[in-house]
Amino acid sequence: MNGNYNSYGTSWADQWDDGPDPIMVGSNNKSNGGGATTKYKEKLGEGLGKTKTVASSGIKKLKDGTSVGIHWIKTKYSKATQKH
């Protein structure tokens, strides 16, 4: 290592992460007037709405597929028992 570089007292993030620090949700930083918090809440609400829609359609497909599968099994079973 280079002798001029002293990493004593710095964290891993200080040494390796050169990006900006993330904005803490719920922090008392009022410098932006709450606009960022409102924006994140809107995005979160949109995301939850999309998630709900996808989950709803997935459950409907699962329910329909299960119904078709059970009907198929019943039909196969009844055909097998009628042959005897």
PDB file of N, CA and C in Angstrom:
ATOM      1  N   MET A   1       0.830  -1.187   0.000  1.00  0.00           N
ATOM      2  CA  MET A   1       0.000   0.000   0.000  1.00  0.00           C
ATOM      3  C   MET A   1       0.865   1.236   0.000  1.00  0.00           C
ATOM      4  N   ASN A   2       0.307   2.281  -0.449  1.00  0.00           N
ATOM      5  CA  ASN A   2       0.994   3.554  -0.474  1.00  0.00           C
ATOM      6  C   ASN A   2       1.103   4.089   0.942  1.00  0.00           C
ATOM      7  N   GLY A   3       2.286   4.494   1.365  1.00  0.00           N
ATOM      8  CA  GLY A   3       2.499   4.981   2.722  1.00  0.00           C
ATOM      9  C   GLY A   3       1.822   6.303   2.991  1.00  0.00           C
ATOM     10  N   ASN A   4       1.467   7.072   1.956  1.00  0.00           N
ATOM     11  CA  ASN A   4       0.814   8.367   2.136  1.00  0.00           C
ATOM     12  C   ASN A   4      -0.675   8.224   2.397  1.00  0.00           C
ATOM     13  N   TYR A   5      -1.219   7.069   2.111  1.00  0.00           N
ATOM     14  CA  TYR A   5      -2.654   6.843   2.277  1.00  0.00           C
ATOM     15  C   TYR A   5      -2.904   6.245   3.658  1.00  0.00           C
ATOM     16  N   ASN A   6      -3.605   6.969   4.487  1.00  0.00           N
ATOM     17  CA  ASN A   6      -3.883   6.524   5.849  1.00  0.00           C
ATOM     18  C   ASN A   6      -5.363   6.233   5.972  1.00  0.00           C
ATOM     19  N   SER A   7      -5.727   4.964   6.181  1.00  0.00           N
ATOM     20  CA  SER A   7      -7.135   4.598   6.283  1.00  0.00           C
ATOM     21  C   SER A   7      -7.580   4.444   7.729  1.00  0.00           C
ATOM     22  N   TYR A   8      -6.719   4.822   8.665  1.00  0.00           N
ATOM     23  CA  TYR A   8      -7.062   4.678  10.072  1.00  0.00           C
ATOM     24  C   TYR A   8      -8.207   5.624  10.420  1.00  0.00           C
ATOM     25  N   GLY A   9      -9.249   5.080  11.028  1.00  0.00           N
ATOM     26  CA  GLY A   9     -10.355   5.900  11.491  1.00  0.00           C
ATOM     27  C   GLY A   9     -11.448   6.123  10.461  1.00  0.00           C
ATOM     28  N   THR A  10     -11.312   5.558   9.283  1.00  0.00           N
ATOM     29  CA  THR A  10     -12.364   5.716   8.286  1.00  0.00           C
ATOM     30  C   THR A  10     -13.090   4.385   8.118  1.00  0.00           C
ATOM     31  N   SER A  11     -14.331   4.471   7.771  1.00  0.00           N
ATOM     32  CA  SER A  11     -15.139   3.263   7.603  1.00  0.00           C
ATOM     33  C   SER A  11     -14.939   2.690   6.208  1.00  0.00           C
ATOM     34  N   TRP A  12     -15.497   1.515   5.987  1.00  0.00           N
ATOM     35  CA  TRP A  12     -15.408   0.868   4.689  1.00  0.00           C
ATOM     36  C   TRP A  12     -16.029   1.761   3.618  1.00  0.00           C
ATOM     37  N   ALA A  13     -17.181   2.347   3.936  1.00  0.00           N
ATOM     38  CA  ALA A  13     -17.870   3.188   2.960  1.00  0.00           C
ATOM     39  C   ALA A  13     -17.044   4.423   2.613  1.00  0.00           C
ATOM     40  N   ASP A  14     -16.361   4.991   3.603  1.00  0.00           N
ATOM     41  CA  ASP A  14     -15.533   6.158   3.322  1.00  0.00           C
ATOM     42  C   ASP A  14     -14.374   5.796   2.398  1.00  0.00           C
ATOM     43  N   GLN A  15     -13.872   4.595   2.509  1.00  0.00           N
ATOM     44  CA  GLN A  15     -12.741   4.187   1.693  1.00  0.00           C
ATOM     45  C   GLN A  15     -13.144   3.779   0.287  1.00  0.00           C
ATOM     46  N   TRP A  16     -14.279   3.101   0.133  1.00  0.00           N
ATOM     47  CA  TRP A  16     -14.608   2.474  -1.143  1.00  0.00           C
ATOM     48  C   TRP A  16     -15.804   3.072  -1.856  1.00  0.00           C
ATOM     49  N   ASP A  17     -16.692   3.731  -1.162  1.00  0.00           N
ATOM     50  CA  ASP A  17     -17.901   4.271  -1.776  1.00  0.00           C
ATOM     51  C   ASP A  17     -17.699   5.752  -2.056  1.00  0.00           C
ATOM     52  N   ASP A  18     -17.579   6.103  -3.320  1.00  0.00           N
ATOM     53  CA  ASP A  18     -17.360   7.504  -3.656  1.00  0.00           C
ATOM     54  C   ASP A  18     -18.641   8.214  -4.078  1.00  0.00           C
ATOM     55  N   GLY A  19     -19.781   7.516  -3.997  1.00  0.00           N
ATOM     56  CA  GLY A  19     -21.053   8.113  -4.375  1.00  0.00           C
ATOM     57  C   GLY A  19     -21.630   8.960  -3.255  1.00  0.00           C
ATOM     58  N   PRO A  20     -22.689   9.698  -3.544  1.00  0.00           N
ATOM     59  CA  PRO A  20     -23.315  10.527  -2.506  1.00  0.00           C
ATOM     60  C   PRO A  20     -24.030   9.650  -1.483  1.00  0.00           C
ATOM     61  N   ASP A  21     -24.189  10.181  -0.297  1.00  0.00           N
ATOM     62  CA  ASP A  21     -24.902   9.463   0.751  1.00  0.00           C
ATOM     63  C   ASP A  21     -26.386   9.424   0.420  1.00  0.00           C
ATOM     64  N   PRO A  22     -27.064   8.317   0.712  1.00  0.00           N
ATOM     65  CA  PRO A  22     -28.501   8.236   0.424  1.00  0.00           C
ATOM     66  C   PRO A  22     -29.286   9.137   1.369  1.00  0.00           C
ATOM     67  N   ILE A  23     -30.455   9.551   0.920  1.00  0.00           N
ATOM     68  CA  ILE A  23     -31.332  10.370   1.742  1.00  0.00           C
ATOM     69  C   ILE A  23     -32.050   9.452   2.713  1.00  0.00           C
ATOM     70  N   MET A  24     -31.998   9.777   3.964  1.00  0.00           N
ATOM     71  CA  MET A  24     -32.640   8.963   4.994  1.00  0.00           C
ATOM     72  C   MET A  24     -34.132   9.283   5.028  1.00  0.00           C
ATOM     73  N   VAL A  25     -34.974   8.260   4.950  1.00  0.00           N
ATOM     74  CA  VAL A  25     -36.408   8.438   5.030  1.00  0.00           C
ATOM     75  C   VAL A  25     -36.762   8.719   6.475  1.00  0.00           C
ATOM     76  N   GLY A  26     -37.547   9.742   6.704  1.00  0.00           N
ATOM     77  CA  GLY A  26     -37.955  10.086   8.054  1.00  0.00           C
ATOM     78  C   GLY A  26     -36.927  10.930   8.783  1.00  0.00           C
ATOM     79  N   SER A  27     -35.918  11.429   8.103  1.00  0.00           N
ATOM     80  CA  SER A  27     -34.923  12.265   8.767  1.00  0.00           C
ATOM     81  C   SER A  27     -35.497  13.651   8.994  1.00  0.00           C
ATOM     82  N   ASN A  28     -34.866  14.383   9.855  1.00  0.00           N
ATOM     83  CA  ASN A  28     -35.328  15.728  10.193  1.00  0.00           C
ATOM     84  C   ASN A  28     -34.714  16.786   9.299  1.00  0.00           C
ATOM     85  N   ASN A  29     -34.196  16.403   8.155  1.00  0.00           N
ATOM     86  CA  ASN A  29     -33.585  17.333   7.220  1.00  0.00           C
ATOM     87  C   ASN A  29     -34.692  18.034   6.443  1.00  0.00           C
ATOM     88  N   LYS A  30     -34.931  19.301   6.743  1.00  0.00           N
ATOM     89  CA  LYS A  30     -36.020  20.061   6.117  1.00  0.00           C
ATOM     90  C   LYS A  30     -35.504  20.983   5.026  1.00  0.00           C
ATOM     91  N   SER A  31     -34.268  20.818   4.578  1.00  0.00           N
ATOM     92  CA  SER A  31     -33.680  21.730   3.613  1.00  0.00           C
ATOM     93  C   SER A  31     -34.385  21.690   2.265  1.00  0.00           C
ATOM     94  N   ASN A  32     -34.989  20.574   1.911  1.00  0.00           N
ATOM     95  CA  ASN A  32     -35.639  20.487   0.610  1.00  0.00           C
ATOM     96  C   ASN A  32     -37.131  20.773   0.691  1.00  0.00           C
ATOM     97  N   GLY A  33     -37.637  21.180   1.822  1.00  0.00           N
ATOM     98  CA  GLY A  33     -39.033  21.555   1.959  1.00  0.00           C
ATOM     99  C   GLY A  33     -39.991  20.383   1.930  1.00  0.00           C
ATOM    100  N   GLY A  34     -39.530  19.171   2.084  1.00  0.00           N
ATOM    101  CA  GLY A  34     -40.410  18.011   2.094  1.00  0.00           C
ATOM    102  C   GLY A  34     -40.765  17.516   0.712  1.00  0.00           C
ATOM    103  N   GLY A  35     -40.251  18.145  -0.331  1.00  0.00           N
ATOM    104  CA  GLY A  35     -40.572  17.738  -1.694  1.00  0.00           C
ATOM    105  C   GLY A  35     -40.077  16.347  -2.017  1.00  0.00           C
ATOM    106  N   ALA A  36     -38.892  16.017  -1.536  1.00  0.00           N
ATOM    107  CA  ALA A  36     -38.329  14.692  -1.811  1.00  0.00           C
ATOM    108  C   ALA A  36     -39.154  13.617  -1.128  1.00  0.00           C
ATOM    109  N   THR A  37     -39.576  13.889   0.097  1.00  0.00           N
ATOM    110  CA  THR A  37     -40.374  12.907   0.835  1.00  0.00           C
ATOM    111  C   THR A  37     -41.697  12.669   0.134  1.00  0.00           C
ATOM    112  N   THR A  38     -42.319  13.720  -0.330  1.00  0.00           N
ATOM    113  CA  THR A  38     -43.587  13.596  -1.050  1.00  0.00           C
ATOM    114  C   THR A  38     -43.404  12.797  -2.330  1.00  0.00           C
ATOM    115  N   LYS A  39     -42.304  13.063  -3.026  1.00  0.00           N
ATOM    116  CA  LYS A  39     -42.030  12.357  -4.280  1.00  0.00           C
ATOM    117  C   LYS A  39     -41.857  10.865  -4.029  1.00  0.00           C
ATOM    118  N   TYR A  40     -41.114  10.510  -2.961  1.00  0.00           N
ATOM    119  CA  TYR A  40     -40.897   9.102  -2.649  1.00  0.00           C
ATOM    120  C   TYR A  40     -42.189   8.426  -2.211  1.00  0.00           C
ATOM    121  N   LYS A  41     -43.027   9.142  -1.482  1.00  0.00           N
ATOM    122  CA  LYS A  41     -44.314   8.572  -1.061  1.00  0.00           C
ATOM    123  C   LYS A  41     -45.200   8.310  -2.272  1.00  0.00           C
ATOM    124  N   GLU A  42     -45.172   9.213  -3.246  1.00  0.00           N
ATOM    125  CA  GLU A  42     -45.965   9.008  -4.461  1.00  0.00           C
ATOM    126  C   GLU A  42     -45.471   7.795  -5.235  1.00  0.00           C
ATOM    127  N   LYS A  43     -44.141   7.668  -5.366  1.00  0.00           N
ATOM    128  CA  LYS A  43     -43.584   6.518  -6.075  1.00  0.00           C
ATOM    129  C   LYS A  43     -43.903   5.227  -5.344  1.00  0.00           C
ATOM    130  N   LEU A  44     -43.836   5.259  -4.022  1.00  0.00           N
ATOM    131  CA  LEU A  44     -44.159   4.078  -3.231  1.00  0.00           C
ATOM    132  C   LEU A  44     -45.622   3.699  -3.426  1.00  0.00           C
ATOM    133  N   GLY A  45     -46.509   4.687  -3.426  1.00  0.00           N
ATOM    134  CA  GLY A  45     -47.929   4.419  -3.641  1.00  0.00           C
ATOM    135  C   GLY A  45     -48.193   3.827  -5.012  1.00  0.00           C
ATOM    136  N   GLU A  46     -47.515   4.363  -6.033  1.00  0.00           N
ATOM    137  CA  GLU A  46     -47.671   3.825  -7.390  1.00  0.00           C
ATOM    138  C   GLU A  46     -47.174   2.387  -7.447  1.00  0.00           C
ATOM    139  N   GLY A  47     -46.044   2.136  -6.815  1.00  0.00           N
ATOM    140  CA  GLY A  47     -45.475   0.788  -6.814  1.00  0.00           C
ATOM    141  C   GLY A  47     -46.379  -0.204  -6.118  1.00  0.00           C
ATOM    142  N   LEU A  48     -46.980   0.214  -5.014  1.00  0.00           N
ATOM    143  CA  LEU A  48     -47.878  -0.686  -4.295  1.00  0.00           C
ATOM    144  C   LEU A  48     -49.137  -0.965  -5.108  1.00  0.00           C
ATOM    145  N   GLY A  49     -49.614   0.029  -5.824  1.00  0.00           N
ATOM    146  CA  GLY A  49     -50.776  -0.181  -6.682  1.00  0.00           C
ATOM    147  C   GLY A  49     -50.484  -1.177  -7.786  1.00  0.00           C
ATOM    148  N   LYS A  50     -49.298  -1.059  -8.388  1.00  0.00           N
ATOM    149  CA  LYS A  50     -48.909  -1.993  -9.447  1.00  0.00           C
ATOM    150  C   LYS A  50     -48.731  -3.396  -8.874  1.00  0.00           C
ATOM    151  N   THR A  51     -48.137  -3.473  -7.702  1.00  0.00           N
ATOM    152  CA  THR A  51     -47.935  -4.775  -7.059  1.00  0.00           C
ATOM    153  C   THR A  51     -49.262  -5.440  -6.756  1.00  0.00           C
ATOM    154  N   LYS A  52     -50.204  -4.668  -6.284  1.00  0.00           N
ATOM    155  CA  LYS A  52     -51.533  -5.208  -5.969  1.00  0.00           C
ATOM    156  C   LYS A  52     -52.201  -5.739  -7.233  1.00  0.00           C
ATOM    157  N   THR A  53     -52.086  -5.012  -8.329  1.00  0.00           N
ATOM    158  CA  THR A  53     -52.693  -5.439  -9.588  1.00  0.00           C
ATOM    159  C   THR A  53     -52.058  -6.739 -10.090  1.00  0.00           C
ATOM    160  N   VAL A  54     -50.742  -6.812 -10.044  1.00  0.00           N
ATOM    161  CA  VAL A  54     -50.044  -8.012 -10.503  1.00  0.00           C
ATOM    162  C   VAL A  54     -50.386  -9.198  -9.614  1.00  0.00           C
ATOM    163  N   ALA A  55     -50.410  -8.987  -8.308  1.00  0.00           N
ATOM    164  CA  ALA A  55     -50.743 -10.073  -7.386  1.00  0.00           C
ATOM    165  C   ALA A  55     -52.175 -10.546  -7.609  1.00  0.00           C
ATOM    166  N   SER A  56     -53.071  -9.625  -7.840  1.00  0.00           N
ATOM    167  CA  SER A  56     -54.469  -9.971  -8.072  1.00  0.00           C
ATOM    168  C   SER A  56     -54.623 -10.825  -9.333  1.00  0.00           C
ATOM    169  N   SER A  57     -53.962 -10.421 -10.400  1.00  0.00           N
ATOM    170  CA  SER A  57     -54.073 -11.207 -11.638  1.00  0.00           C
ATOM    171  C   SER A  57     -53.373 -12.556 -11.478  1.00  0.00           C
ATOM    172  N   GLY A  58     -52.282 -12.600 -10.724  1.00  0.00           N
ATOM    173  CA  GLY A  58     -51.590 -13.863 -10.484  1.00  0.00           C
ATOM    174  C   GLY A  58     -52.442 -14.835  -9.695  1.00  0.00           C
ATOM    175  N   ILE A  59     -53.124 -14.336  -8.680  1.00  0.00           N
ATOM    176  CA  ILE A  59     -54.008 -15.184  -7.876  1.00  0.00           C
ATOM    177  C   ILE A  59     -55.162 -15.698  -8.730  1.00  0.00           C
ATOM    178  N   LYS A  60     -55.707 -14.841  -9.600  1.00  0.00           N
ATOM    179  CA  LYS A  60     -56.802 -15.274 -10.468  1.00  0.00           C
ATOM    180  C   LYS A  60     -56.333 -16.396 -11.394  1.00  0.00           C
ATOM    181  N   LYS A  61     -55.127 -16.243 -11.972  1.00  0.00           N
ATOM    182  CA  LYS A  61     -54.589 -17.283 -12.854  1.00  0.00           C
ATOM    183  C   LYS A  61     -54.352 -18.575 -12.084  1.00  0.00           C
ATOM    184  N   LEU A  62     -53.847 -18.464 -10.871  1.00  0.00           N
ATOM    185  CA  LEU A  62     -53.601 -19.641 -10.050  1.00  0.00           C
ATOM    186  C   LEU A  62     -54.913 -20.356  -9.725  1.00  0.00           C
ATOM    187  N   LYS A  63     -55.918 -19.580  -9.380  1.00  0.00           N
ATOM    188  CA  LYS A  63     -57.228 -20.151  -9.055  1.00  0.00           C
ATOM    189  C   LYS A  63     -57.827 -20.856 -10.277  1.00  0.00           C
ATOM    190  N   ASP A  64     -57.759 -20.204 -11.433  1.00  0.00           N
ATOM    191  CA  ASP A  64     -58.293 -20.805 -12.659  1.00  0.00           C
ATOM    192  C   ASP A  64     -57.529 -22.080 -13.026  1.00  0.00           C
ATOM    193  N   GLY A  65     -56.208 -22.023 -12.924  1.00  0.00           N
ATOM    194  CA  GLY A  65     -55.395 -23.191 -13.249  1.00  0.00           C
ATOM    195  C   GLY A  65     -55.660 -24.353 -12.307  1.00  0.00           C
ATOM    196  N   THR A  66     -55.829 -24.062 -11.039  1.00  0.00           N
ATOM    197  CA  THR A  66     -56.133 -25.108 -10.068  1.00  0.00           C
ATOM    198  C   THR A  66     -57.485 -25.737 -10.364  1.00  0.00           C
ATOM    199  N   SER A  67     -58.459 -24.911 -10.705  1.00  0.00           N
ATOM    200  CA  SER A  67     -59.785 -25.413 -11.023  1.00  0.00           C
ATOM    201  C   SER A  67     -59.753 -26.348 -12.232  1.00  0.00           C
ATOM    202  N   VAL A  68     -59.023 -25.938 -13.266  1.00  0.00           N
ATOM    203  CA  VAL A  68     -58.898 -26.766 -14.468  1.00  0.00           C
ATOM    204  C   VAL A  68     -58.176 -28.069 -14.139  1.00  0.00           C
ATOM    205  N   GLY A  69     -57.128 -27.992 -13.328  1.00  0.00           N
ATOM    206  CA  GLY A  69     -56.375 -29.184 -12.949  1.00  0.00           C
ATOM    207  C   GLY A  69     -57.205 -30.175 -12.154  1.00  0.00           C
ATOM    208  N   ILE A  70     -57.975 -29.668 -11.207  1.00  0.00           N
ATOM    209  CA  ILE A  70     -58.833 -30.550 -10.402  1.00  0.00           C
ATOM    210  C   ILE A  70     -59.908 -31.182 -11.275  1.00  0.00           C
ATOM    211  N   HIS A  71     -60.481 -30.406 -12.176  1.00  0.00           N
ATOM    212  CA  HIS A  71     -61.494 -30.953 -13.089  1.00  0.00           C
ATOM    213  C   HIS A  71     -60.891 -32.066 -13.954  1.00  0.00           C
ATOM    214  N   TRP A  72     -59.661 -31.862 -14.449  1.00  0.00           N
ATOM    215  CA  TRP A  72     -58.974 -32.863 -15.263  1.00  0.00           C
ATOM    216  C   TRP A  72     -58.743 -34.144 -14.462  1.00  0.00           C
ATOM    217  N   ILE A  73     -58.304 -34.002 -13.206  1.00  0.00           N
ATOM    218  CA  ILE A  73     -58.071 -35.177 -12.348  1.00  0.00           C
ATOM    219  C   ILE A  73     -59.375 -35.926 -12.095  1.00  0.00           C
ATOM    220  N   LYS A  74     -60.448 -35.195 -11.825  1.00  0.00           N
ATOM    221  CA  LYS A  74     -61.748 -35.844 -11.598  1.00  0.00           C
ATOM    222  C   LYS A  74     -62.201 -36.604 -12.835  1.00  0.00           C
ATOM    223  N   THR A  75     -62.009 -36.007 -14.011  1.00  0.00           N
ATOM    224  CA  THR A  75     -62.401 -36.660 -15.256  1.00  0.00           C
ATOM    225  C   THR A  75     -61.588 -37.928 -15.474  1.00  0.00           C
ATOM    226  N   LYS A  76     -60.289 -37.866 -15.267  1.00  0.00           N
ATOM    227  CA  LYS A  76     -59.429 -39.043 -15.432  1.00  0.00           C
ATOM    228  C   LYS A  76     -59.801 -40.129 -14.436  1.00  0.00           C
ATOM    229  N   TYR A  77     -60.091 -39.753 -13.213  1.00  0.00           N
ATOM    230  CA  TYR A  77     -60.454 -40.730 -12.183  1.00  0.00           C
ATOM    231  C   TYR A  77     -61.787 -41.404 -12.519  1.00  0.00           C
ATOM    232  N   SER A  78     -62.745 -40.578 -12.961  1.00  0.00           N
ATOM    233  CA  SER A  78     -64.054 -41.174 -13.269  1.00  0.00           C
ATOM    234  C   SER A  78     -63.965 -42.123 -14.485  1.00  0.00           C
ATOM    235  N   LYS A  79     -63.136 -41.800 -15.474  1.00  0.00           N
ATOM    236  CA  LYS A  79     -62.947 -42.686 -16.623  1.00  0.00           C
ATOM    237  C   LYS A  79     -62.284 -43.985 -16.185  1.00  0.00           C
ATOM    238  N   ALA A  80     -61.343 -43.914 -15.272  1.00  0.00           N
ATOM    239  CA  ALA A  80     -60.634 -45.090 -14.816  1.00  0.00           C
ATOM    240  C   ALA A  80     -61.542 -45.996 -13.999  1.00  0.00           C
ATOM    241  N   THR A  81     -62.418 -45.438 -13.214  1.00  0.00           N
ATOM    242  CA  THR A  81     -63.295 -46.247 -12.374  1.00  0.00           C
ATOM    243  C   THR A  81     -64.474 -46.818 -13.167  1.00  0.00           C
ATOM    244  N   GLN A  82     -64.858 -46.204 -14.276  1.00  0.00           N
ATOM    245  CA  GLN A  82     -65.965 -46.717 -15.071  1.00  0.00           C
ATOM    246  C   GLN A  82     -65.578 -47.942 -15.906  1.00  0.00           C
ATOM    247  N   LYS A  83     -64.297 -48.137 -16.162  1.00  0.00           N
ATOM    248  CA  LYS A  83     -63.859 -49.258 -16.992  1.00  0.00           C
ATOM    249  C   LYS A  83     -64.020 -50.583 -16.252  1.00  0.00           C
ATOM    250  N   HIS A  84     -64.027 -50.580 -14.954  1.00  0.00           N
ATOM    251  CA  HIS A  84     -64.068 -51.815 -14.193  1.00  0.00           C
ATOM    252  C   HIS A  84     -65.468 -52.260 -14.009  1.00  0.00           C
TER     253      HIS A  84
END
